[in-house]
Amino acid sequence: MYTKVLIPLDGSMFAEKVLPFARILAGALKLPIELLEVVDISVVTAHIAADKARYIETIIAAAEQSSREYLDACSTSLSGFQVSCRVERGRPADVIIDQGAADEGTLIAMATHGRSGINRWMLGSVAEKVLRGTKNPLLLVRANNEEGLGDRAATIKSIVVPLDGSALAESVLPTVSAVAKALDVEIVLCRVFELAASAYYGKEDYLPNYDEMLRQLKVEVESYLAAEANGLQAAGLKASWVALEGSGAEEIIRYAHQHPEALVAMCTHGRSGVSRWVLGSVTEKVVRYSGNPVLVFHAS
């Protein structure tokens, strides 16, 4: 399934917020951990005065040494794990994506914002670039503030899996099942449903029975979820389901918020089958606004 956990850090407590959750998964799945910090040369050189240009290489080398010392210090909070540290030069997102691409079994685990301290990543940030550019599985944890260090305990008590009836969305289930079994937690399948906008386009001589249409849709959704949950239970897993009426991302976020110790696991796209999901998709909204950790699978 996975071969290692790659954790990009940037020296901030925000970025370290991912460490407790990475420890949980790495421990349960018995995976080695690699800590990565990227020295962005373009940022380093942008702050060097012209008369100091001849010292650029020395300054970069000092930044690399500082990064190595920082990662070594972080590794002490990961006692009991096989930990390696790596410092690279380049653009952070590009390096993270390349490091992951070298081994498709690498699980990249990172916080959704780091050094800048902004409330949430904006389009073009490192996390969103990685989210869009990598084909590796990705664990994203939203860091809300710098309160506390990365060695604080974390808990995962269930895995919430949003489905939409498509094979692509369901493709996460084998891996989720393995993770749930290793963590000994319940899988909660959920599906959000609402009448399509076209259902409200009535004709002068015909007014649809919206209540009946919604009831039928709910029955179909519940039947689908029950069948999927029964399949997981037959495989020896703890599984349940919940049908949520409303708008996709909002309902998923709301449900996860009510279960703060849940891990959300979902595919980057489902029914649409587009080659790359775009801003505004359900998965991206969940990643951006959910306070729960999100395990993202990139459907091919």
Protein backbone atom coordinates (compact mmCIF):
# COMPACT_ATOMS: atom_id res chain seq x y z
CA MET A 1 0.00 0.00 0.00
CA TYR A 2 2.37 2.72 1.26
CA THR A 3 6.14 2.53 1.50
CA LYS A 4 6.91 5.63 3.58
CA VAL A 5 5.54 8.92 4.89
CA LEU A 6 7.13 12.06 3.47
CA ILE A 7 6.63 15.09 5.73
CA PRO A 8 7.59 18.51 4.32
CA LEU A 9 8.37 21.05 7.05
CA ASP A 10 9.33 24.72 6.86
CA GLY A 11 10.52 25.56 10.36
CA SER A 12 7.12 26.72 11.63
CA MET A 13 4.88 25.28 14.30
CA PHE A 14 2.07 25.49 11.77
CA ALA A 15 3.79 22.96 9.53
CA GLU A 16 4.49 20.71 12.51
CA LYS A 17 0.74 20.33 13.14
CA VAL A 18 0.81 17.37 10.75
CA LEU A 19 3.26 15.39 12.87
CA PRO A 20 0.78 13.88 15.38
CA PHE A 21 -1.41 12.53 12.60
CA ALA A 22 1.56 11.31 10.57
CA ARG A 23 2.75 9.44 13.66
CA ILE A 24 -0.61 7.70 13.97
CA LEU A 25 -0.61 6.46 10.38
CA ALA A 26 3.10 5.63 10.26
CA GLY A 27 2.80 3.71 13.52
CA ALA A 28 -0.28 1.74 12.53
CA LEU A 29 1.04 0.94 9.06
CA LYS A 30 4.64 0.42 10.24
CA LEU A 31 6.09 2.93 7.79
CA PRO A 32 9.40 4.80 7.84
CA ILE A 33 9.25 8.59 7.96
CA GLU A 34 11.24 11.05 5.87
CA LEU A 35 11.39 14.69 6.95
CA LEU A 36 11.98 17.18 4.15
CA GLU A 37 12.82 20.87 4.14
CA VAL A 38 13.36 22.81 0.93
CA VAL A 39 15.67 25.80 0.72
CA ASP A 40 14.05 28.09 -1.82
CA ILE A 41 17.04 29.77 -3.43
CA SER A 42 14.88 32.40 -5.14
CA VAL A 43 13.62 33.56 -1.74
CA VAL A 44 17.09 33.52 -0.21
CA THR A 45 18.68 35.51 -3.04
CA ALA A 46 15.80 38.02 -3.15
CA HIS A 47 16.86 39.32 0.27
CA ILE A 48 20.57 39.64 -0.48
CA ALA A 49 21.93 43.10 -1.24
CA ALA A 50 23.84 43.49 -4.49
CA ASP A 51 27.13 44.09 -2.69
CA LYS A 52 26.69 40.76 -0.86
CA ALA A 53 26.03 38.70 -4.00
CA ARG A 54 29.44 37.08 -3.83
CA TYR A 55 28.38 35.46 -0.55
CA ILE A 56 25.28 33.80 -2.00
CA GLU A 57 26.66 30.27 -1.91
CA THR A 58 27.83 30.73 1.67
CA ILE A 59 24.43 32.06 2.71
CA ILE A 60 22.62 29.18 0.99
CA ALA A 61 24.95 26.66 2.63
CA ALA A 62 24.21 28.24 6.02
CA ALA A 63 20.47 27.97 5.33
CA GLU A 64 20.90 24.30 4.45
CA GLN A 65 22.85 23.66 7.65
CA SER A 66 20.14 25.40 9.68
CA SER A 67 17.52 23.22 7.97
CA ARG A 68 19.44 20.04 8.76
CA GLU A 69 19.70 21.02 12.42
CA TYR A 70 16.00 21.82 12.54
CA LEU A 71 15.01 18.49 10.99
CA ASP A 72 17.33 16.61 13.35
CA ALA A 73 15.59 18.33 16.26
CA CYS A 74 12.16 17.41 14.87
CA SER A 75 13.22 13.80 14.47
CA THR A 76 13.71 13.49 18.23
CA SER A 77 9.92 13.72 18.65
CA LEU A 78 9.60 10.65 16.44
CA SER A 79 11.33 8.15 18.67
CA GLY A 80 10.44 4.59 17.84
CA PHE A 81 10.20 5.32 14.12
CA GLN A 82 12.72 4.84 11.36
CA VAL A 83 13.37 8.48 10.46
CA SER A 84 15.53 10.07 7.78
CA CYS A 85 16.04 13.76 7.03
CA ARG A 86 16.53 15.43 3.67
CA VAL A 87 17.32 19.02 2.69
CA GLU A 88 16.91 20.03 -0.95
CA ARG A 89 17.25 23.19 -2.98
CA GLY A 90 14.47 24.40 -5.26
CA ARG A 91 10.88 25.54 -5.30
CA PRO A 92 9.13 23.81 -2.38
CA ALA A 93 6.07 22.51 -4.25
CA ASP A 94 8.13 21.23 -7.18
CA VAL A 95 10.60 19.44 -4.91
CA ILE A 96 7.84 17.84 -2.83
CA ILE A 97 6.05 16.63 -5.96
CA ASP A 98 9.29 15.26 -7.44
CA GLN A 99 10.24 13.49 -4.22
CA GLY A 100 6.83 11.84 -4.11
CA ALA A 101 6.94 10.90 -7.79
CA ALA A 102 10.14 8.93 -7.21
CA ASP A 103 8.05 6.35 -5.33
CA GLU A 104 4.31 6.10 -5.97
CA GLY A 105 3.92 4.37 -2.61
CA THR A 106 4.95 7.54 -0.76
CA LEU A 107 2.27 9.13 1.40
CA ILE A 108 2.88 12.88 1.53
CA ALA A 109 1.72 14.41 4.82
CA MET A 110 1.66 18.15 5.27
CA ALA A 111 -0.15 21.04 6.92
CA THR A 112 -2.30 23.26 4.76
CA HIS A 113 -0.30 26.32 5.69
CA GLY A 114 3.03 26.98 7.26
CA ARG A 115 5.45 29.84 7.75
CA SER A 116 3.17 32.61 6.50
CA GLY A 117 0.65 32.10 9.27
CA ILE A 118 -2.33 33.10 7.14
CA ASN A 119 -5.71 31.68 8.09
CA ARG A 120 -5.86 29.44 5.05
CA TRP A 121 -3.80 28.78 1.98
CA MET A 122 -4.56 30.88 -1.04
CA LEU A 123 -4.51 29.56 -4.60
CA GLY A 124 -0.88 29.12 -5.64
CA SER A 125 0.36 28.15 -2.19
CA VAL A 126 2.68 25.20 -1.67
CA ALA A 127 -0.04 22.93 -0.32
CA GLU A 128 -2.46 23.62 -3.15
CA LYS A 129 0.27 23.23 -5.76
CA VAL A 130 1.16 19.85 -4.29
CA LEU A 131 -2.51 18.89 -4.06
CA ARG A 132 -2.99 19.65 -7.74
CA GLY A 133 0.36 18.45 -9.03
CA THR A 134 1.09 15.19 -7.22
CA LYS A 135 -0.25 11.74 -8.04
CA ASN A 136 0.73 10.47 -4.61
CA PRO A 137 -1.76 9.99 -1.79
CA LEU A 138 -1.79 13.06 0.40
CA LEU A 139 -2.64 13.63 4.07
CA LEU A 140 -3.56 17.26 4.69
CA VAL A 141 -4.06 18.78 8.13
CA ARG A 142 -5.32 22.33 8.51
CA ALA A 143 -3.33 24.28 11.07
CA ASN A 144 -5.38 27.03 12.69
CA ASN A 145 -2.82 28.59 15.00
CA GLU A 146 0.67 28.12 16.43
CA GLU A 147 -0.61 27.02 19.79
CA GLY A 148 1.20 23.88 20.86
CA LEU A 149 3.95 21.86 19.21
CA GLY A 150 3.89 19.02 16.75
CA ASP A 151 4.43 16.42 19.45
CA ARG A 152 0.94 16.97 20.88
CA ALA A 153 -1.21 13.84 20.86
CA ALA A 154 -3.81 13.31 18.15
CA THR A 155 -6.63 10.80 17.85
CA ILE A 156 -8.41 9.15 14.94
CA LYS A 157 -11.57 7.30 15.94
CA SER A 158 -13.28 6.87 12.57
CA ILE A 159 -12.77 7.36 8.84
CA VAL A 160 -15.49 9.25 6.98
CA VAL A 161 -15.62 8.31 3.29
CA PRO A 162 -17.80 10.49 1.03
CA LEU A 163 -19.17 8.59 -1.98
CA ASP A 164 -21.14 9.75 -5.01
CA GLY A 165 -22.09 6.45 -6.61
CA SER A 166 -19.15 6.42 -9.01
CA ALA A 167 -16.45 3.77 -9.35
CA LEU A 168 -13.83 6.51 -9.03
CA ALA A 169 -15.10 7.61 -5.63
CA GLU A 170 -15.33 3.97 -4.52
CA SER A 171 -11.73 3.33 -5.58
CA VAL A 172 -10.55 4.63 -2.19
CA LEU A 173 -12.27 1.82 -0.31
CA PRO A 174 -9.57 -0.90 -0.53
CA THR A 175 -6.91 1.43 0.90
CA VAL A 176 -9.29 2.93 3.45
CA SER A 177 -10.19 -0.59 4.56
CA ALA A 178 -6.54 -1.43 5.13
CA VAL A 179 -5.98 1.78 7.08
CA ALA A 180 -9.15 1.29 9.16
CA LYS A 181 -8.13 -2.27 9.98
CA ALA A 182 -4.65 -1.15 11.05
CA LEU A 183 -6.11 1.64 13.21
CA ASP A 184 -8.99 -0.54 14.44
CA VAL A 185 -11.54 2.18 13.68
CA GLU A 186 -14.95 2.34 12.03
CA ILE A 187 -15.53 3.37 8.43
CA VAL A 188 -18.48 5.74 8.00
CA LEU A 189 -19.73 5.91 4.42
CA CYS A 190 -21.64 9.05 3.56
CA ARG A 191 -23.39 10.39 0.52
CA VAL A 192 -24.86 13.83 0.09
CA PHE A 193 -28.01 14.11 -1.97
CA GLU A 194 -30.31 16.83 -3.26
CA LEU A 195 -32.62 17.22 -6.22
CA ALA A 196 -30.93 18.43 -9.37
CA ALA A 197 -31.76 21.99 -10.38
CA SER A 198 -33.42 20.66 -13.53
CA ALA A 199 -36.02 18.89 -11.37
CA TYR A 200 -37.52 22.27 -10.51
CA TYR A 201 -38.15 23.25 -14.11
CA GLY A 202 -41.84 22.41 -14.24
CA LYS A 203 -44.28 22.93 -17.07
CA GLU A 204 -47.47 24.93 -17.06
CA ASP A 205 -49.61 21.82 -17.04
CA TYR A 206 -47.39 19.74 -14.74
CA LEU A 207 -46.03 20.43 -11.26
CA PRO A 208 -43.69 17.71 -9.95
CA ASN A 209 -44.23 16.24 -6.52
CA TYR A 210 -40.91 17.38 -5.08
CA ASP A 211 -41.44 15.68 -1.74
CA GLU A 212 -42.00 12.34 -3.43
CA MET A 213 -39.01 12.83 -5.73
CA LEU A 214 -36.80 13.64 -2.76
CA ARG A 215 -38.13 10.64 -0.84
CA GLN A 216 -37.34 8.32 -3.73
CA LEU A 217 -33.87 9.80 -4.08
CA LYS A 218 -33.22 9.31 -0.37
CA VAL A 219 -34.33 5.67 -0.60
CA GLU A 220 -31.94 5.08 -3.50
CA VAL A 221 -29.05 6.72 -1.66
CA GLU A 222 -29.70 4.79 1.54
CA SER A 223 -29.97 1.51 -0.37
CA TYR A 224 -26.65 2.19 -2.09
CA LEU A 225 -24.86 3.08 1.13
CA ALA A 226 -26.29 0.10 2.98
CA ALA A 227 -25.07 -2.27 0.28
CA GLU A 228 -21.57 -0.76 0.36
CA ALA A 229 -21.44 -0.90 4.17
CA ASN A 230 -22.64 -4.51 4.17
CA GLY A 231 -19.80 -5.40 1.83
CA LEU A 232 -17.26 -3.89 4.23
CA GLN A 233 -18.85 -5.63 7.20
CA ALA A 234 -18.71 -8.94 5.35
CA ALA A 235 -14.95 -8.38 5.03
CA GLY A 236 -14.70 -8.12 8.82
CA LEU A 237 -14.61 -4.33 9.08
CA LYS A 238 -16.60 -2.01 11.31
CA ALA A 239 -18.75 0.04 8.97
CA SER A 240 -21.81 2.26 9.06
CA TRP A 241 -23.39 4.83 6.77
CA VAL A 242 -25.18 8.15 6.78
CA ALA A 243 -27.19 9.91 4.06
CA LEU A 244 -26.92 13.70 4.18
CA GLU A 245 -29.38 16.02 2.47
CA GLY A 246 -27.93 19.25 1.17
CA SER A 247 -24.98 20.58 -0.80
CA GLY A 248 -21.96 18.27 -1.21
CA ALA A 249 -18.94 19.89 0.41
CA GLU A 250 -20.90 21.84 3.01
CA GLU A 251 -22.63 18.75 4.37
CA ILE A 252 -19.42 16.71 4.45
CA ILE A 253 -17.64 19.49 6.33
CA ARG A 254 -20.56 19.89 8.74
CA TYR A 255 -20.73 16.18 9.47
CA ALA A 256 -16.97 15.90 9.97
CA HIS A 257 -17.04 18.95 12.25
CA GLN A 258 -19.52 17.11 14.45
CA HIS A 259 -17.00 14.26 14.65
CA PRO A 260 -13.70 16.06 15.33
CA GLU A 261 -11.71 12.86 15.78
CA ALA A 262 -12.62 11.61 12.31
CA LEU A 263 -10.29 11.33 9.35
CA VAL A 264 -11.97 12.23 6.04
CA ALA A 265 -10.83 10.09 3.09
CA MET A 266 -11.88 10.94 -0.43
CA CYS A 267 -10.95 10.90 -4.08
CA THR A 268 -9.96 14.03 -6.00
CA HIS A 269 -12.87 13.56 -8.34
CA GLY A 270 -15.75 11.22 -8.82
CA ARG A 271 -18.72 11.20 -11.12
CA SER A 272 -17.46 13.89 -13.50
CA GLY A 273 -14.45 11.85 -14.59
CA VAL A 274 -12.49 14.95 -15.53
CA SER A 275 -8.76 14.52 -15.90
CA ARG A 276 -7.99 17.10 -13.20
CA TRP A 277 -10.29 18.55 -10.59
CA VAL A 278 -10.66 22.28 -10.48
CA LEU A 279 -11.11 25.02 -7.91
CA GLY A 280 -14.57 24.74 -6.40
CA SER A 281 -14.76 20.94 -6.50
CA VAL A 282 -16.08 19.08 -3.49
CA THR A 283 -12.70 17.67 -2.51
CA GLU A 284 -10.92 20.99 -2.64
CA LYS A 285 -13.61 22.68 -0.57
CA VAL A 286 -13.37 19.96 2.06
CA VAL A 287 -9.58 20.27 2.18
CA ARG A 288 -9.76 24.04 2.47
CA TYR A 289 -12.47 24.42 5.05
CA SER A 290 -12.69 21.23 7.08
CA GLY A 291 -10.95 21.23 10.42
CA ASN A 292 -10.53 17.45 10.15
CA PRO A 293 -7.46 15.82 8.62
CA VAL A 294 -8.17 14.77 5.04
CA LEU A 295 -6.63 11.79 3.25
CA VAL A 296 -6.74 12.51 -0.50
CA PHE A 297 -6.49 9.86 -3.19
CA HIS A 298 -5.75 10.88 -6.75
CA ALA A 299 -7.94 8.93 -9.14
CA SER A 300 -6.38 8.04 -12.45
